[in-house]
C-alpha cells in the first residue's frame, strides 16, 4: 500500500505526472525553502498512507525551472494535484497534515 515520494524533473514530468493513470500531487520546492522542509515529512506520511490512490512527486524548482515556469509557480511550497494531464487543484504554503488531507479528500476517497 505505502510508497515514498518520487522525484520528477523537467525531463520526466510528462511520463511521471501528466501520463500517470492515478492523481499525482507535485510538491514544487527548493533546498533553501524552510516551509518546504516542514511539509516534506507530512507528504512522505501521506505517500505511505495513500500511495495506492495518489502519487506524491517532488520537483526542485531550482534544478527544473522549465516546469516551474510553465505552471507559473510563484511561491513555494506549492502542491499541485494533476489528474488526466491537468492541474485540478493547487495548495500554496505549508499546512498541517489535516488541512492537506482535507484538500486531497476528493482524490484519495
Protein backbone atom coordinates (compact mmCIF):
# COMPACT_ATOMS: atom_id res chain seq x y z
CA UNK A 1 0.00 0.00 0.00
CA UNK A 2 2.54 2.59 1.10
CA UNK A 3 5.06 4.25 -1.11
CA UNK A 4 7.58 7.06 -0.95
CA UNK A 5 7.56 10.37 -2.77
CA UNK A 6 9.19 10.20 -6.20
CA UNK A 7 11.50 12.82 -7.67
CA UNK A 8 10.49 14.28 -11.02
CA UNK A 9 12.45 16.56 -13.34
CA UNK A 10 11.79 18.66 -16.41
CA UNK A 11 12.72 15.56 -18.42
CA UNK A 12 10.48 13.05 -16.58
CA UNK A 13 7.49 15.30 -15.83
CA UNK A 14 5.46 14.20 -18.86
CA UNK A 15 5.82 10.47 -18.20
CA UNK A 16 5.70 10.53 -14.39
CA UNK A 17 2.98 13.17 -13.88
CA UNK A 18 0.98 14.04 -16.98
CA UNK A 19 0.74 10.46 -18.27
CA UNK A 20 0.08 8.89 -14.84
CA UNK A 21 -3.00 6.70 -14.51
CA UNK A 22 -3.66 7.99 -10.99
CA UNK A 23 -3.67 11.51 -9.50
CA UNK A 24 -0.24 12.98 -8.76
CA UNK A 25 0.46 15.63 -6.14
CA UNK A 26 3.54 17.56 -7.28
CA UNK A 27 5.39 19.34 -4.49
CA UNK A 28 7.21 22.30 -6.05
CA UNK A 29 10.04 23.02 -3.61
CA UNK A 30 13.63 24.24 -3.22
CA UNK A 31 16.51 23.38 -0.89
CA UNK A 32 16.58 26.87 0.68
CA UNK A 33 12.84 26.93 1.47
CA UNK A 34 12.12 26.42 5.19
CA UNK A 35 8.36 25.81 4.80
CA UNK A 36 9.15 23.25 2.06
CA UNK A 37 11.32 21.33 4.52
CA UNK A 38 8.49 21.47 7.08
CA UNK A 39 5.94 19.98 4.69
CA UNK A 40 8.23 17.24 3.27
CA UNK A 41 7.77 14.73 6.14
CA UNK A 42 4.00 15.28 6.03
CA UNK A 43 3.95 14.45 2.33
CA UNK A 44 6.06 11.36 2.98
CA UNK A 45 3.46 10.20 5.53
CA UNK A 46 0.63 10.84 3.06
CA UNK A 47 2.55 8.86 0.41
CA UNK A 48 2.85 5.92 2.81
CA UNK A 49 -0.84 6.06 3.78
CA UNK A 50 -2.43 6.81 0.41
CA UNK A 51 0.20 5.74 -2.16
CA UNK A 52 -2.19 3.24 -3.69
CA UNK A 53 -4.53 6.06 -4.80
CA UNK A 54 -2.21 9.06 -5.14
CA UNK A 55 1.42 9.52 -6.22
CA UNK A 56 3.44 12.15 -4.37
CA UNK A 57 6.13 13.71 -6.56
CA UNK A 58 8.76 16.32 -5.69
CA UNK A 59 10.11 18.81 -8.22
CA UNK A 60 13.03 21.04 -7.22
CA UNK A 61 12.28 24.36 -8.94
CA UNK A 62 15.93 25.49 -8.86
CA UNK A 63 17.06 22.37 -10.75
CA UNK A 64 13.96 22.22 -13.00
CA UNK A 65 12.95 25.79 -13.89
CA UNK A 66 11.16 24.88 -17.13
CA UNK A 67 8.23 23.09 -15.49
CA UNK A 68 8.02 25.64 -12.66
CA UNK A 69 7.77 28.44 -15.26
CA UNK A 70 5.27 26.50 -17.38
CA UNK A 71 2.89 26.16 -14.42
CA UNK A 72 3.61 29.69 -13.14
CA UNK A 73 4.86 28.60 -9.73
CA UNK A 74 5.44 31.93 -7.98
CA UNK A 75 5.72 30.87 -4.35
CA UNK A 76 6.77 27.66 -2.68
CA UNK A 77 5.82 25.27 -1.39
CA UNK A 78 3.09 24.89 -3.98
CA UNK A 79 1.48 21.47 -4.19
CA UNK A 80 -0.47 20.92 -7.39
CA UNK A 81 -2.70 17.92 -7.96
CA UNK A 82 -2.58 16.66 -11.52
CA UNK A 83 -5.17 14.26 -12.93
CA UNK A 84 -5.80 13.44 -16.58
CA UNK A 85 -2.80 15.58 -17.52
CA UNK A 86 -4.17 18.78 -15.97
CA UNK A 87 -3.89 20.73 -12.71
CA UNK A 88 -7.06 20.01 -10.75
CA UNK A 89 -6.15 21.87 -7.56
CA UNK A 90 -3.23 23.78 -6.04
CA UNK A 91 -2.32 24.15 -2.39
CA UNK A 92 0.02 27.07 -1.67
CA UNK A 93 2.07 27.27 1.52
CA UNK A 94 2.92 24.87 4.30
CA UNK A 95 -0.16 23.47 6.00
CA UNK A 96 -0.72 20.86 8.69
CA UNK A 97 -1.36 17.29 7.60
CA UNK A 98 -5.09 17.52 8.40
CA UNK A 99 -5.51 20.53 6.09
CA UNK A 100 -3.58 18.85 3.26
CA UNK A 101 -5.63 15.66 3.64
CA UNK A 102 -8.79 17.76 3.54
CA UNK A 103 -7.63 19.36 0.29
CA UNK A 104 -6.84 15.89 -1.11
CA UNK A 105 -10.08 14.22 0.04
CA UNK A 106 -11.70 14.00 -3.39
CA UNK A 107 -8.55 12.37 -4.85
CA UNK A 108 -7.95 9.76 -2.12
CA UNK A 109 -11.55 8.79 -1.32
